[in-house]
Amino acid sequence: MKKKISDIDQAIGKHIRLLRTAQGLSMKRLEKISGVSQPYISEVERGQKSISVKRLIDICTALSMRLDEFYNTLEIEKLPNNFDTKKHPEYNRIIHLAKLLDKQELKITLQVMEKLIENRTSLGV
């Protein structure tokens, strides 16, 4: 019997792909630094396979991120279905740069972004 892949499994796969590509890593390069096979990474990223916690930790370590950071940034993925990150490379760049910030810098950055959105909304833009 084939295991049903859940929405969370698909979200995790998309998030791995987003983080990997934001760092400019190919699946083959991620395989080399994580020890997780490229075919397995491919299946996970396409939402065809659930990932084990151990392999997710291996991938997170290769991406220079802790598991809790990975899950905390999953929320970033909530974009409209028609949002194409390939047409908006700035999105991937923002995520990549945010990973380089310390906690206080990230908090300030979030406040600035929220203020920009608030001002845009109040101006009817």
N, C-alpha and C. Protein backbone atom coordinates (compact mmCIF):
# COMPACT_ATOMS: atom_id res chain seq x y z
N MET A 1 0.84 -1.18 0.00
CA MET A 1 0.00 0.00 0.00
C MET A 1 0.88 1.25 0.00
N LYS A 2 0.60 2.17 -0.91
CA LYS A 2 1.40 3.38 -1.05
C LYS A 2 0.99 4.38 0.03
N LYS A 3 2.00 4.96 0.69
CA LYS A 3 1.76 5.93 1.75
C LYS A 3 1.30 7.26 1.14
N LYS A 4 0.26 7.85 1.73
CA LYS A 4 -0.24 9.14 1.27
C LYS A 4 0.68 10.24 1.79
N ILE A 5 1.08 11.14 0.92
CA ILE A 5 1.93 12.26 1.30
C ILE A 5 1.03 13.39 1.80
N SER A 6 1.36 13.93 2.97
CA SER A 6 0.54 14.98 3.57
C SER A 6 0.93 16.36 3.05
N ASP A 7 0.08 17.32 3.36
CA ASP A 7 0.37 18.71 3.00
C ASP A 7 1.66 19.18 3.64
N ILE A 8 1.91 18.77 4.88
CA ILE A 8 3.13 19.19 5.57
C ILE A 8 4.35 18.60 4.88
N ASP A 9 4.27 17.36 4.42
CA ASP A 9 5.38 16.76 3.68
C ASP A 9 5.67 17.56 2.41
N GLN A 10 4.62 17.96 1.72
CA GLN A 10 4.80 18.75 0.51
C GLN A 10 5.37 20.13 0.83
N ALA A 11 4.91 20.74 1.92
CA ALA A 11 5.43 22.05 2.33
C ALA A 11 6.90 21.95 2.71
N ILE A 12 7.27 20.88 3.39
CA ILE A 12 8.68 20.67 3.77
C ILE A 12 9.53 20.53 2.52
N GLY A 13 9.07 19.75 1.56
CA GLY A 13 9.81 19.58 0.31
C GLY A 13 10.01 20.89 -0.43
N LYS A 14 8.95 21.68 -0.53
CA LYS A 14 9.05 22.98 -1.20
C LYS A 14 10.01 23.90 -0.46
N HIS A 15 9.96 23.82 0.85
CA HIS A 15 10.81 24.68 1.68
C HIS A 15 12.29 24.30 1.52
N ILE A 16 12.56 23.01 1.46
CA ILE A 16 13.94 22.56 1.24
C ILE A 16 14.43 23.09 -0.10
N ARG A 17 13.61 22.96 -1.13
CA ARG A 17 13.99 23.45 -2.46
C ARG A 17 14.25 24.95 -2.43
N LEU A 18 13.38 25.68 -1.77
CA LEU A 18 13.53 27.14 -1.68
C LEU A 18 14.85 27.51 -1.00
N LEU A 19 15.13 26.88 0.13
CA LEU A 19 16.35 27.18 0.87
C LEU A 19 17.59 26.76 0.09
N ARG A 20 17.51 25.61 -0.55
CA ARG A 20 18.64 25.10 -1.34
C ARG A 20 18.95 26.05 -2.49
N THR A 21 17.93 26.43 -3.24
CA THR A 21 18.16 27.30 -4.40
C THR A 21 18.55 28.71 -3.98
N ALA A 22 18.04 29.17 -2.84
CA ALA A 22 18.43 30.50 -2.34
C ALA A 22 19.92 30.56 -2.03
N GLN A 23 20.49 29.41 -1.69
CA GLN A 23 21.92 29.34 -1.42
C GLN A 23 22.73 28.97 -2.66
N GLY A 24 22.03 28.81 -3.77
CA GLY A 24 22.71 28.49 -5.02
C GLY A 24 23.26 27.07 -5.08
N LEU A 25 22.64 26.16 -4.32
CA LEU A 25 23.11 24.77 -4.28
C LEU A 25 22.31 23.89 -5.24
N SER A 26 23.01 23.05 -5.96
CA SER A 26 22.35 22.03 -6.75
C SER A 26 21.99 20.87 -5.81
N MET A 27 21.13 19.99 -6.27
CA MET A 27 20.81 18.81 -5.45
C MET A 27 22.05 17.95 -5.26
N LYS A 28 22.88 17.87 -6.28
CA LYS A 28 24.10 17.08 -6.20
C LYS A 28 25.04 17.64 -5.13
N ARG A 29 25.16 18.97 -5.08
CA ARG A 29 26.02 19.61 -4.07
C ARG A 29 25.44 19.40 -2.67
N LEU A 30 24.13 19.50 -2.55
CA LEU A 30 23.48 19.26 -1.26
C LEU A 30 23.71 17.82 -0.82
N GLU A 31 23.67 16.90 -1.78
CA GLU A 31 23.95 15.49 -1.47
C GLU A 31 25.36 15.36 -0.87
N LYS A 32 26.33 16.02 -1.49
CA LYS A 32 27.71 15.90 -1.02
C LYS A 32 27.90 16.45 0.39
N ILE A 33 27.26 17.56 0.69
CA ILE A 33 27.49 18.16 2.02
C ILE A 33 26.54 17.64 3.10
N SER A 34 25.43 17.02 2.69
CA SER A 34 24.48 16.51 3.69
C SER A 34 24.57 15.00 3.90
N GLY A 35 25.06 14.28 2.85
CA GLY A 35 25.07 12.83 2.93
C GLY A 35 23.73 12.20 2.57
N VAL A 36 22.76 13.03 2.16
CA VAL A 36 21.45 12.54 1.75
C VAL A 36 21.47 12.43 0.22
N SER A 37 21.05 11.28 -0.31
CA SER A 37 21.17 11.05 -1.74
C SER A 37 20.35 12.03 -2.58
N GLN A 38 20.87 12.36 -3.74
CA GLN A 38 20.20 13.28 -4.65
C GLN A 38 18.82 12.77 -5.07
N PRO A 39 18.66 11.47 -5.40
CA PRO A 39 17.32 11.00 -5.75
C PRO A 39 16.31 11.17 -4.60
N TYR A 40 16.77 10.94 -3.37
CA TYR A 40 15.90 11.10 -2.20
C TYR A 40 15.51 12.57 -2.05
N ILE A 41 16.50 13.47 -2.17
CA ILE A 41 16.22 14.91 -2.07
C ILE A 41 15.21 15.31 -3.13
N SER A 42 15.39 14.81 -4.35
CA SER A 42 14.49 15.13 -5.44
C SER A 42 13.05 14.70 -5.14
N GLU A 43 12.90 13.48 -4.65
CA GLU A 43 11.55 12.98 -4.32
C GLU A 43 10.91 13.80 -3.20
N VAL A 44 11.70 14.17 -2.20
CA VAL A 44 11.18 14.98 -1.09
C VAL A 44 10.76 16.36 -1.60
N GLU A 45 11.63 16.99 -2.39
CA GLU A 45 11.32 18.33 -2.91
C GLU A 45 10.08 18.34 -3.80
N ARG A 46 9.85 17.27 -4.52
CA ARG A 46 8.67 17.18 -5.39
C ARG A 46 7.42 16.73 -4.65
N GLY A 47 7.57 16.49 -3.35
CA GLY A 47 6.41 16.08 -2.55
C GLY A 47 6.01 14.65 -2.77
N GLN A 48 6.93 13.82 -3.25
CA GLN A 48 6.63 12.41 -3.52
C GLN A 48 7.07 11.48 -2.40
N LYS A 49 7.79 12.03 -1.42
CA LYS A 49 8.31 11.20 -0.35
C LYS A 49 8.34 12.01 0.94
N SER A 50 8.01 11.35 2.05
CA SER A 50 8.15 11.96 3.37
C SER A 50 9.61 11.88 3.77
N ILE A 51 10.07 12.88 4.49
CA ILE A 51 11.47 12.88 4.92
C ILE A 51 11.56 12.47 6.39
N SER A 52 12.57 11.70 6.71
CA SER A 52 12.78 11.31 8.11
C SER A 52 13.39 12.49 8.86
N VAL A 53 13.22 12.51 10.16
CA VAL A 53 13.78 13.58 10.98
C VAL A 53 15.30 13.60 10.85
N LYS A 54 15.92 12.44 10.86
CA LYS A 54 17.38 12.39 10.75
C LYS A 54 17.86 13.02 9.45
N ARG A 55 17.22 12.67 8.34
CA ARG A 55 17.63 13.24 7.06
C ARG A 55 17.33 14.73 6.98
N LEU A 56 16.24 15.16 7.59
CA LEU A 56 15.93 16.59 7.62
C LEU A 56 16.99 17.34 8.42
N ILE A 57 17.41 16.77 9.53
CA ILE A 57 18.48 17.38 10.33
C ILE A 57 19.77 17.45 9.51
N ASP A 58 20.09 16.39 8.77
CA ASP A 58 21.28 16.38 7.92
C ASP A 58 21.21 17.50 6.87
N ILE A 59 20.05 17.66 6.27
CA ILE A 59 19.87 18.71 5.26
C ILE A 59 19.94 20.09 5.90
N CYS A 60 19.29 20.26 7.04
CA CYS A 60 19.34 21.55 7.74
C CYS A 60 20.78 21.91 8.10
N THR A 61 21.52 20.95 8.59
CA THR A 61 22.93 21.19 8.94
C THR A 61 23.71 21.63 7.71
N ALA A 62 23.47 20.97 6.58
CA ALA A 62 24.15 21.33 5.34
C ALA A 62 23.76 22.73 4.88
N LEU A 63 22.55 23.15 5.22
CA LEU A 63 22.07 24.49 4.85
C LEU A 63 22.39 25.53 5.93
N SER A 64 23.20 25.12 6.90
CA SER A 64 23.62 26.01 8.02
C SER A 64 22.43 26.53 8.81
N MET A 65 21.53 25.62 9.13
CA MET A 65 20.35 26.03 9.89
C MET A 65 19.95 24.93 10.85
N ARG A 66 19.41 25.33 11.97
CA ARG A 66 18.92 24.37 12.96
C ARG A 66 17.52 23.93 12.55
N LEU A 67 17.11 22.78 13.06
CA LEU A 67 15.79 22.24 12.74
C LEU A 67 14.68 23.20 13.16
N ASP A 68 14.80 23.81 14.34
CA ASP A 68 13.76 24.74 14.79
C ASP A 68 13.69 25.97 13.87
N GLU A 69 14.83 26.41 13.34
CA GLU A 69 14.83 27.53 12.39
C GLU A 69 14.11 27.13 11.10
N PHE A 70 14.34 25.90 10.68
CA PHE A 70 13.68 25.40 9.47
C PHE A 70 12.16 25.47 9.65
N TYR A 71 11.66 24.94 10.76
CA TYR A 71 10.21 24.95 10.99
C TYR A 71 9.66 26.35 11.20
N ASN A 72 10.44 27.21 11.85
CA ASN A 72 9.99 28.58 12.07
C ASN A 72 9.89 29.35 10.76
N THR A 73 10.71 29.02 9.78
CA THR A 73 10.67 29.72 8.50
C THR A 73 9.70 29.08 7.52
N LEU A 74 9.12 27.96 7.87
CA LEU A 74 8.12 27.33 6.99
C LEU A 74 6.96 28.28 6.72
N GLU A 75 6.62 29.10 7.68
CA GLU A 75 5.51 30.03 7.54
C GLU A 75 5.73 31.00 6.38
N ILE A 76 6.98 31.29 6.07
CA ILE A 76 7.30 32.19 4.96
C ILE A 76 6.73 31.67 3.66
N GLU A 77 6.54 30.37 3.58
CA GLU A 77 6.06 29.74 2.36
C GLU A 77 4.62 30.09 2.00
N LYS A 78 3.88 30.69 2.90
CA LYS A 78 2.46 30.93 2.64
C LYS A 78 2.28 32.09 1.67
N LEU A 79 2.45 31.79 0.42
CA LEU A 79 2.32 32.76 -0.66
C LEU A 79 1.11 32.39 -1.51
N PRO A 80 0.57 33.37 -2.22
CA PRO A 80 -0.52 33.03 -3.12
C PRO A 80 -0.08 31.95 -4.10
N ASN A 81 -1.02 31.09 -4.50
CA ASN A 81 -0.70 29.99 -5.42
C ASN A 81 -0.10 30.47 -6.73
N ASN A 82 -0.45 31.68 -7.14
CA ASN A 82 0.05 32.18 -8.42
C ASN A 82 1.37 32.93 -8.28
N PHE A 83 1.96 32.97 -7.09
CA PHE A 83 3.24 33.66 -6.88
C PHE A 83 4.37 32.80 -7.41
N ASP A 84 5.11 33.33 -8.35
CA ASP A 84 6.19 32.58 -8.99
C ASP A 84 7.53 33.11 -8.50
N THR A 85 8.22 32.33 -7.65
CA THR A 85 9.50 32.79 -7.09
C THR A 85 10.57 32.92 -8.17
N LYS A 86 10.40 32.25 -9.30
CA LYS A 86 11.37 32.40 -10.40
C LYS A 86 11.26 33.78 -11.03
N LYS A 87 10.04 34.34 -11.05
CA LYS A 87 9.84 35.69 -11.59
C LYS A 87 10.20 36.76 -10.55
N HIS A 88 10.38 36.33 -9.31
CA HIS A 88 10.68 37.26 -8.22
C HIS A 88 11.93 36.78 -7.47
N PRO A 89 13.11 36.88 -8.10
CA PRO A 89 14.33 36.39 -7.45
C PRO A 89 14.64 37.15 -6.16
N GLU A 90 14.06 38.33 -6.01
CA GLU A 90 14.28 39.11 -4.80
C GLU A 90 13.79 38.36 -3.57
N TYR A 91 12.72 37.60 -3.74
CA TYR A 91 12.16 36.82 -2.63
C TYR A 91 13.19 35.83 -2.10
N ASN A 92 13.82 35.08 -2.99
CA ASN A 92 14.85 34.12 -2.57
C ASN A 92 16.04 34.84 -1.96
N ARG A 93 16.39 35.99 -2.50
CA ARG A 93 17.52 36.77 -1.97
C ARG A 93 17.22 37.27 -0.56
N ILE A 94 16.00 37.71 -0.33
CA ILE A 94 15.60 38.18 1.01
C ILE A 94 15.74 37.04 2.02
N ILE A 95 15.27 35.87 1.66
CA ILE A 95 15.37 34.73 2.57
C ILE A 95 16.83 34.38 2.84
N HIS A 96 17.63 34.37 1.80
CA HIS A 96 19.05 34.05 1.97
C HIS A 96 19.72 35.07 2.89
N LEU A 97 19.47 36.35 2.65
CA LEU A 97 20.10 37.39 3.48
C LEU A 97 19.58 37.36 4.91
N ALA A 98 18.31 37.06 5.09
CA ALA A 98 17.75 36.99 6.44
C ALA A 98 18.43 35.92 7.28
N LYS A 99 18.87 34.87 6.64
CA LYS A 99 19.55 33.80 7.37
C LYS A 99 20.90 34.25 7.91
N LEU A 100 21.43 35.32 7.38
CA LEU A 100 22.73 35.83 7.82
C LEU A 100 22.62 36.79 9.00
N LEU A 101 21.40 37.19 9.33
CA LEU A 101 21.18 38.16 10.40
C LEU A 101 21.11 37.50 11.77
N ASP A 102 21.53 38.24 12.80
CA ASP A 102 21.33 37.72 14.15
C ASP A 102 19.89 38.03 14.57
N LYS A 103 19.50 37.57 15.73
CA LYS A 103 18.10 37.66 16.16
C LYS A 103 17.62 39.12 16.22
N GLN A 104 18.44 40.01 16.75
CA GLN A 104 18.05 41.42 16.86
C GLN A 104 17.93 42.07 15.49
N GLU A 105 18.88 41.79 14.60
CA GLU A 105 18.83 42.34 13.25
C GLU A 105 17.60 41.84 12.50
N LEU A 106 17.27 40.58 12.70
CA LEU A 106 16.10 40.01 12.04
C LEU A 106 14.82 40.66 12.56
N LYS A 107 14.77 40.91 13.85
CA LYS A 107 13.60 41.56 14.45
C LYS A 107 13.43 42.97 13.86
N ILE A 108 14.51 43.71 13.73
CA ILE A 108 14.46 45.06 13.15
C ILE A 108 14.02 44.99 11.69
N THR A 109 14.56 44.04 10.96
CA THR A 109 14.20 43.87 9.55
C THR A 109 12.71 43.58 9.40
N LEU A 110 12.19 42.72 10.25
CA LEU A 110 10.75 42.40 10.21
C LEU A 110 9.92 43.65 10.50
N GLN A 111 10.35 44.45 11.46
CA GLN A 111 9.62 45.68 11.79
C GLN A 111 9.60 46.64 10.60
N VAL A 112 10.74 46.75 9.92
CA VAL A 112 10.82 47.62 8.74
C VAL A 112 9.88 47.12 7.65
N MET A 113 9.90 45.82 7.40
CA MET A 113 9.04 45.25 6.36
C MET A 113 7.57 45.44 6.71
N GLU A 114 7.21 45.20 7.97
CA GLU A 114 5.82 45.39 8.40
C GLU A 114 5.40 46.84 8.24
N LYS A 115 6.30 47.78 8.53
CA LYS A 115 5.99 49.20 8.39
C LYS A 115 5.79 49.55 6.91
N LEU A 116 6.62 49.00 6.04
CA LEU A 116 6.46 49.23 4.60
C LEU A 116 5.08 48.77 4.13
N ILE A 117 4.69 47.58 4.56
CA ILE A 117 3.38 47.04 4.16
C ILE A 117 2.25 47.87 4.75
N GLU A 118 2.40 48.25 6.00
CA GLU A 118 1.39 49.09 6.66
C GLU A 118 1.23 50.41 5.91
N ASN A 119 2.33 51.06 5.56
CA ASN A 119 2.27 52.33 4.82
C ASN A 119 1.67 52.15 3.44
N ARG A 120 2.02 51.05 2.78
CA ARG A 120 1.47 50.77 1.45
C ARG A 120 -0.04 50.61 1.53
N THR A 121 -0.48 49.89 2.55
CA THR A 121 -1.92 49.66 2.74
C THR A 121 -2.65 50.96 3.05
N SER A 122 -2.06 51.78 3.93
CA SER A 122 -2.72 53.04 4.31
C SER A 122 -2.76 54.04 3.15
N LEU A 123 -1.84 53.92 2.23
CA LEU A 123 -1.82 54.80 1.07
C LEU A 123 -2.68 54.27 -0.08
N GLY A 124 -3.21 53.06 0.11
CA GLY A 124 -4.06 52.46 -0.92
C GLY A 124 -3.29 51.95 -2.12
N VAL A 125 -2.03 51.61 -1.90
CA VAL A 125 -1.18 51.10 -3.00
C VAL A 125 -1.37 49.62 -3.15
